[in-house]
Structure formats: C-alpha cells, structure tokens
Amino acid sequence: MTTPLAAAPQALQSTAGGLSTDTSRLKNADNLKKAGEKFEAVFTGMMLKSMRQTHLAEPLFDSKAIDTFTDMQDQRLAQTMAEHTPIGIGKAMTSFLAKSQSDLNGSAADPPTS
C-alpha cells in the first residue's frame, strides 16, 4: 500500500508552508495573461465590495437576498471590467512575473513606450 504523499505529483510534494513552489505554469504566456486577468478581477471585486460597504444613505429595501444578488452582480461586473477595461494592476503583475521568465520577456510584457 502506498501512502498518499508518495502517490502525489511532484508539484504537490515540493511545497513550502502550504504554497507550491512549482512555477512551470508561468512559462506559458497565455497562463500568465489569464492569471493577470483573474488577479485584476479579484482586485476590482474587492474594491467594489469595499465601496458598497460605505452606506451613504439608508437603503429603501434591505434584505439578504438583495445583498446576495448585489454581490453576484459585482463579481460579474469585476470580471467583465478585468476583461474589457482593465485598470492595469493585472498587467503590472503580469509584467513583473514575466521579468523572472527569460523566455517570456518579449511575449508577455509590452515594450516600453517613450
């Protein structure tokens, strides 16, 4: 009988403090771009949630159902904003990560503008 740790893939075995040290997925420019978009969506979602928590006036209708619907709407809005009109934080993260990958320096990061 094999132990679960022995049967686990190498990427799962090489963890430090619960975080995987496998960076092979960063070598793909498409994966790096998707990660940047997801990071942008999460960041924008957190920003929208923070903005919603500042109650400037008394709500007319207040219920858990409306709160849930608003949260779902904000998540979708954040994802759409990250895909179509990004604010740039995902691109900055992608550029930073691409610097450490010599084979992605030209493909993931835009050339500097003068």
N, C-alpha and C. Protein backbone atom coordinates (compact mmCIF):
# COMPACT_ATOMS: atom_id res chain seq x y z
N MET A 1 0.85 -1.18 0.00
CA MET A 1 0.00 0.00 0.00
C MET A 1 0.89 1.24 0.00
N THR A 2 0.57 2.19 -0.88
CA THR A 2 1.35 3.41 -0.96
C THR A 2 0.69 4.50 -0.14
N THR A 3 1.50 5.37 0.39
CA THR A 3 0.96 6.49 1.16
C THR A 3 0.47 7.56 0.20
N PRO A 4 -0.47 8.39 0.63
CA PRO A 4 -0.97 9.44 -0.26
C PRO A 4 0.12 10.42 -0.67
N LEU A 5 1.09 10.65 0.22
CA LEU A 5 2.16 11.58 -0.13
C LEU A 5 3.06 11.01 -1.21
N ALA A 6 3.29 9.70 -1.17
CA ALA A 6 4.14 9.07 -2.18
C ALA A 6 3.45 9.06 -3.54
N ALA A 7 2.14 9.01 -3.55
CA ALA A 7 1.41 8.97 -4.81
C ALA A 7 1.14 10.35 -5.37
N ALA A 8 1.39 11.40 -4.59
CA ALA A 8 1.11 12.76 -5.05
C ALA A 8 2.11 13.18 -6.11
N PRO A 9 1.70 14.05 -7.04
CA PRO A 9 2.62 14.55 -8.06
C PRO A 9 3.75 15.35 -7.42
N GLN A 10 4.82 15.48 -8.17
CA GLN A 10 5.99 16.19 -7.67
C GLN A 10 5.67 17.64 -7.31
N ALA A 11 4.78 18.29 -8.06
CA ALA A 11 4.44 19.69 -7.79
C ALA A 11 3.81 19.86 -6.42
N LEU A 12 3.03 18.86 -5.99
CA LEU A 12 2.40 18.95 -4.68
C LEU A 12 3.37 18.62 -3.56
N GLN A 13 4.37 17.80 -3.84
CA GLN A 13 5.32 17.44 -2.82
C GLN A 13 6.28 18.58 -2.52
N SER A 14 6.57 19.41 -3.48
CA SER A 14 7.53 20.48 -3.28
C SER A 14 6.82 21.76 -2.83
N THR A 15 6.30 21.72 -1.62
CA THR A 15 5.60 22.88 -1.09
C THR A 15 6.38 23.45 0.08
N ALA A 16 6.28 24.73 0.23
CA ALA A 16 6.91 25.41 1.35
C ALA A 16 5.84 26.18 2.09
N GLY A 17 5.48 25.72 3.26
CA GLY A 17 4.45 26.41 4.03
C GLY A 17 3.08 26.33 3.40
N GLY A 18 2.78 25.27 2.66
CA GLY A 18 1.48 25.11 2.04
C GLY A 18 1.38 25.71 0.65
N LEU A 19 2.41 26.42 0.20
CA LEU A 19 2.40 27.01 -1.14
C LEU A 19 3.26 26.18 -2.07
N SER A 20 2.76 25.96 -3.26
CA SER A 20 3.51 25.18 -4.24
C SER A 20 4.68 26.01 -4.77
N THR A 21 5.81 25.35 -4.93
CA THR A 21 6.98 26.03 -5.49
C THR A 21 7.14 25.73 -6.97
N ASP A 22 6.18 25.03 -7.55
CA ASP A 22 6.20 24.69 -8.98
C ASP A 22 5.80 25.92 -9.78
N THR A 23 6.72 26.47 -10.57
CA THR A 23 6.44 27.65 -11.38
C THR A 23 6.41 27.34 -12.87
N SER A 24 6.27 26.07 -13.23
CA SER A 24 6.29 25.70 -14.64
C SER A 24 5.12 26.30 -15.41
N ARG A 25 3.99 26.54 -14.75
CA ARG A 25 2.84 27.12 -15.45
C ARG A 25 3.07 28.58 -15.82
N LEU A 26 4.05 29.24 -15.20
CA LEU A 26 4.35 30.63 -15.54
C LEU A 26 5.04 30.75 -16.88
N LYS A 27 5.57 29.65 -17.39
CA LYS A 27 6.33 29.69 -18.65
C LYS A 27 5.42 29.83 -19.87
N ASN A 28 4.12 29.71 -19.68
CA ASN A 28 3.18 29.84 -20.77
C ASN A 28 2.59 31.25 -20.73
N ALA A 29 2.75 32.01 -21.80
CA ALA A 29 2.28 33.40 -21.84
C ALA A 29 0.77 33.49 -21.67
N ASP A 30 0.02 32.52 -22.21
CA ASP A 30 -1.44 32.55 -22.07
C ASP A 30 -1.85 32.37 -20.61
N ASN A 31 -1.18 31.44 -19.91
CA ASN A 31 -1.49 31.23 -18.50
C ASN A 31 -1.18 32.47 -17.69
N LEU A 32 -0.08 33.12 -18.01
CA LEU A 32 0.30 34.33 -17.31
C LEU A 32 -0.72 35.45 -17.55
N LYS A 33 -1.20 35.55 -18.78
CA LYS A 33 -2.21 36.58 -19.10
C LYS A 33 -3.53 36.29 -18.37
N LYS A 34 -3.94 35.02 -18.34
CA LYS A 34 -5.16 34.65 -17.62
C LYS A 34 -5.03 34.93 -16.13
N ALA A 35 -3.86 34.66 -15.58
CA ALA A 35 -3.64 34.93 -14.16
C ALA A 35 -3.73 36.43 -13.88
N GLY A 36 -3.20 37.23 -14.79
CA GLY A 36 -3.29 38.68 -14.65
C GLY A 36 -4.73 39.16 -14.68
N GLU A 37 -5.53 38.59 -15.59
CA GLU A 37 -6.95 38.97 -15.68
C GLU A 37 -7.71 38.55 -14.43
N LYS A 38 -7.42 37.35 -13.93
CA LYS A 38 -8.10 36.89 -12.71
C LYS A 38 -7.71 37.75 -11.52
N PHE A 39 -6.42 38.10 -11.42
CA PHE A 39 -5.99 38.96 -10.33
C PHE A 39 -6.67 40.32 -10.42
N GLU A 40 -6.78 40.84 -11.62
CA GLU A 40 -7.46 42.13 -11.83
C GLU A 40 -8.92 42.02 -11.42
N ALA A 41 -9.58 40.92 -11.76
CA ALA A 41 -10.99 40.73 -11.39
C ALA A 41 -11.15 40.65 -9.88
N VAL A 42 -10.26 39.93 -9.21
CA VAL A 42 -10.34 39.83 -7.75
C VAL A 42 -10.11 41.19 -7.11
N PHE A 43 -9.11 41.91 -7.58
CA PHE A 43 -8.82 43.23 -7.03
C PHE A 43 -9.99 44.19 -7.24
N THR A 44 -10.55 44.20 -8.44
CA THR A 44 -11.68 45.07 -8.74
C THR A 44 -12.90 44.67 -7.92
N GLY A 45 -13.10 43.36 -7.73
CA GLY A 45 -14.21 42.89 -6.90
C GLY A 45 -14.08 43.34 -5.45
N MET A 46 -12.87 43.28 -4.93
CA MET A 46 -12.63 43.75 -3.56
C MET A 46 -12.88 45.25 -3.45
N MET A 47 -12.50 45.98 -4.49
CA MET A 47 -12.73 47.42 -4.49
C MET A 47 -14.23 47.73 -4.53
N LEU A 48 -14.98 47.02 -5.37
CA LEU A 48 -16.43 47.24 -5.44
C LEU A 48 -17.11 46.88 -4.12
N LYS A 49 -16.66 45.78 -3.50
CA LYS A 49 -17.24 45.35 -2.23
C LYS A 49 -16.99 46.41 -1.15
N SER A 50 -15.79 46.95 -1.14
CA SER A 50 -15.45 47.99 -0.18
C SER A 50 -16.30 49.24 -0.42
N MET A 51 -16.52 49.57 -1.67
CA MET A 51 -17.34 50.73 -1.99
C MET A 51 -18.79 50.51 -1.56
N ARG A 52 -19.29 49.30 -1.70
CA ARG A 52 -20.68 49.00 -1.31
C ARG A 52 -20.85 49.07 0.21
N GLN A 53 -19.79 48.79 0.96
CA GLN A 53 -19.90 48.79 2.41
C GLN A 53 -20.01 50.19 2.99
N THR A 54 -19.68 51.19 2.22
CA THR A 54 -19.84 52.57 2.70
C THR A 54 -21.27 53.01 2.41
N HIS A 55 -22.13 52.84 3.38
CA HIS A 55 -23.54 53.20 3.22
C HIS A 55 -23.68 54.71 3.39
N LEU A 56 -23.91 55.38 2.29
CA LEU A 56 -24.06 56.83 2.33
C LEU A 56 -25.49 57.25 2.64
N ALA A 57 -26.42 56.34 2.48
CA ALA A 57 -27.82 56.65 2.77
C ALA A 57 -28.52 55.38 3.22
N GLU A 58 -29.68 55.53 3.80
CA GLU A 58 -30.47 54.38 4.21
C GLU A 58 -31.06 53.68 2.98
N PRO A 59 -30.89 52.37 2.86
CA PRO A 59 -31.48 51.69 1.70
C PRO A 59 -33.00 51.61 1.81
N LEU A 60 -33.66 51.70 0.66
CA LEU A 60 -35.11 51.59 0.65
C LEU A 60 -35.56 50.18 0.98
N PHE A 61 -34.90 49.21 0.36
CA PHE A 61 -35.23 47.82 0.60
C PHE A 61 -33.96 47.13 1.06
N ASP A 62 -33.99 46.54 2.22
CA ASP A 62 -32.80 45.91 2.77
C ASP A 62 -33.12 44.46 3.11
N SER A 63 -32.44 43.54 2.43
CA SER A 63 -32.65 42.12 2.71
C SER A 63 -31.39 41.34 2.31
N LYS A 64 -31.30 40.13 2.82
CA LYS A 64 -30.17 39.26 2.48
C LYS A 64 -30.20 38.88 1.00
N ALA A 65 -31.37 38.74 0.43
CA ALA A 65 -31.48 38.37 -0.98
C ALA A 65 -30.92 39.47 -1.87
N ILE A 66 -31.21 40.70 -1.54
CA ILE A 66 -30.69 41.82 -2.33
C ILE A 66 -29.18 41.90 -2.17
N ASP A 67 -28.69 41.67 -0.95
CA ASP A 67 -27.24 41.68 -0.71
C ASP A 67 -26.55 40.59 -1.52
N THR A 68 -27.14 39.40 -1.55
CA THR A 68 -26.57 38.30 -2.31
C THR A 68 -26.55 38.60 -3.80
N PHE A 69 -27.66 39.12 -4.31
CA PHE A 69 -27.74 39.47 -5.72
C PHE A 69 -26.73 40.56 -6.07
N THR A 70 -26.59 41.55 -5.20
CA THR A 70 -25.63 42.63 -5.44
C THR A 70 -24.20 42.10 -5.46
N ASP A 71 -23.88 41.16 -4.56
CA ASP A 71 -22.55 40.55 -4.55
C ASP A 71 -22.28 39.79 -5.85
N MET A 72 -23.28 39.04 -6.32
CA MET A 72 -23.12 38.30 -7.58
C MET A 72 -22.96 39.27 -8.74
N GLN A 73 -23.73 40.33 -8.74
CA GLN A 73 -23.65 41.33 -9.80
C GLN A 73 -22.27 42.01 -9.79
N ASP A 74 -21.75 42.31 -8.61
CA ASP A 74 -20.44 42.94 -8.51
C ASP A 74 -19.33 42.01 -8.98
N GLN A 75 -19.44 40.71 -8.69
CA GLN A 75 -18.44 39.74 -9.16
C GLN A 75 -18.41 39.69 -10.68
N ARG A 76 -19.57 39.66 -11.29
CA ARG A 76 -19.65 39.62 -12.75
C ARG A 76 -19.14 40.92 -13.36
N LEU A 77 -19.49 42.04 -12.74
CA LEU A 77 -19.02 43.33 -13.21
C LEU A 77 -17.49 43.41 -13.12
N ALA A 78 -16.92 42.92 -12.04
CA ALA A 78 -15.46 42.94 -11.86
C ALA A 78 -14.78 42.07 -12.91
N GLN A 79 -15.36 40.91 -13.22
CA GLN A 79 -14.79 40.03 -14.24
C GLN A 79 -14.87 40.70 -15.61
N THR A 80 -15.97 41.31 -15.94
CA THR A 80 -16.13 41.98 -17.22
C THR A 80 -15.19 43.18 -17.33
N MET A 81 -15.04 43.93 -16.25
CA MET A 81 -14.13 45.06 -16.25
C MET A 81 -12.69 44.60 -16.47
N ALA A 82 -12.31 43.49 -15.84
CA ALA A 82 -10.94 42.98 -15.99
C ALA A 82 -10.67 42.52 -17.41
N GLU A 83 -11.69 41.99 -18.08
CA GLU A 83 -11.51 41.51 -19.45
C GLU A 83 -11.52 42.63 -20.48
N HIS A 84 -12.38 43.62 -20.30
CA HIS A 84 -12.59 44.63 -21.35
C HIS A 84 -11.98 45.99 -21.05
N THR A 85 -12.05 46.44 -19.82
CA THR A 85 -11.49 47.76 -19.47
C THR A 85 -10.68 47.64 -18.19
N PRO A 86 -9.52 47.00 -18.28
CA PRO A 86 -8.72 46.80 -17.06
C PRO A 86 -8.16 48.11 -16.53
N ILE A 87 -7.93 48.12 -15.20
CA ILE A 87 -7.35 49.32 -14.60
C ILE A 87 -5.83 49.25 -14.59
N GLY A 88 -5.26 48.10 -14.88
CA GLY A 88 -3.82 48.00 -15.06
C GLY A 88 -3.07 47.21 -14.01
N ILE A 89 -3.71 46.87 -12.90
CA ILE A 89 -2.98 46.15 -11.85
C ILE A 89 -2.63 44.73 -12.29
N GLY A 90 -3.49 44.09 -13.06
CA GLY A 90 -3.20 42.74 -13.57
C GLY A 90 -2.05 42.76 -14.56
N LYS A 91 -2.01 43.78 -15.40
CA LYS A 91 -0.92 43.91 -16.38
C LYS A 91 0.40 44.18 -15.67
N ALA A 92 0.37 44.97 -14.62
CA ALA A 92 1.59 45.24 -13.86
C ALA A 92 2.11 43.95 -13.21
N MET A 93 1.19 43.14 -12.67
CA MET A 93 1.59 41.87 -12.07
C MET A 93 2.15 40.93 -13.13
N THR A 94 1.50 40.87 -14.30
CA THR A 94 1.96 40.02 -15.39
C THR A 94 3.36 40.44 -15.85
N SER A 95 3.57 41.72 -15.99
CA SER A 95 4.89 42.23 -16.40
C SER A 95 5.95 41.89 -15.38
N PHE A 96 5.62 42.02 -14.10
CA PHE A 96 6.57 41.71 -13.04
C PHE A 96 6.95 40.23 -13.05
N LEU A 97 5.95 39.35 -13.21
CA LEU A 97 6.23 37.92 -13.24
C LEU A 97 6.98 37.51 -14.51
N ALA A 98 6.71 38.19 -15.62
CA ALA A 98 7.37 37.86 -16.88
C ALA A 98 8.86 38.20 -16.84
N LYS A 99 9.24 39.18 -16.02
CA LYS A 99 10.66 39.54 -15.91
C LYS A 99 11.50 38.39 -15.39
N SER A 100 10.91 37.55 -14.54
CA SER A 100 11.67 36.44 -13.98
C SER A 100 11.76 35.25 -14.94
N GLN A 101 10.98 35.28 -16.01
CA GLN A 101 10.98 34.20 -17.00
C GLN A 101 11.65 34.71 -18.27
N SER A 102 12.88 34.27 -18.53
CA SER A 102 13.64 34.80 -19.66
C SER A 102 12.98 34.52 -21.01
N ASP A 103 12.27 33.40 -21.15
CA ASP A 103 11.64 33.07 -22.43
C ASP A 103 10.32 33.82 -22.65
N LEU A 104 9.80 34.53 -21.64
CA LEU A 104 8.54 35.27 -21.77
C LEU A 104 8.75 36.78 -21.81
N ASN A 105 9.95 37.26 -21.65
CA ASN A 105 10.18 38.69 -21.56
C ASN A 105 9.63 39.45 -22.74
N GLY A 106 9.73 38.93 -23.92
CA GLY A 106 9.21 39.64 -25.09
C GLY A 106 7.74 39.39 -25.36
N SER A 107 7.17 38.27 -24.87
CA SER A 107 5.81 37.94 -25.25
C SER A 107 4.76 38.43 -24.28
N ALA A 108 5.03 38.44 -22.98
CA ALA A 108 4.01 38.81 -22.01
C ALA A 108 4.04 40.29 -21.68
N ALA A 109 5.20 40.88 -21.71
CA ALA A 109 5.30 42.29 -21.36
C ALA A 109 5.39 43.14 -22.62
N ASP A 110 4.71 44.25 -22.61
CA ASP A 110 4.77 45.16 -23.76
C ASP A 110 6.11 45.87 -23.76
N PRO A 111 6.59 46.25 -24.95
CA PRO A 111 7.84 47.00 -24.98
C PRO A 111 7.63 48.36 -24.35
N PRO A 112 8.65 48.92 -23.72
CA PRO A 112 8.48 50.23 -23.08
C PRO A 112 8.20 51.32 -24.11
N THR A 113 7.34 52.25 -23.73
CA THR A 113 7.00 53.35 -24.62
C THR A 113 7.81 54.57 -24.23
N SER A 114 8.14 55.41 -25.23
CA SER A 114 8.93 56.60 -24.92
C SER A 114 8.07 57.80 -24.70
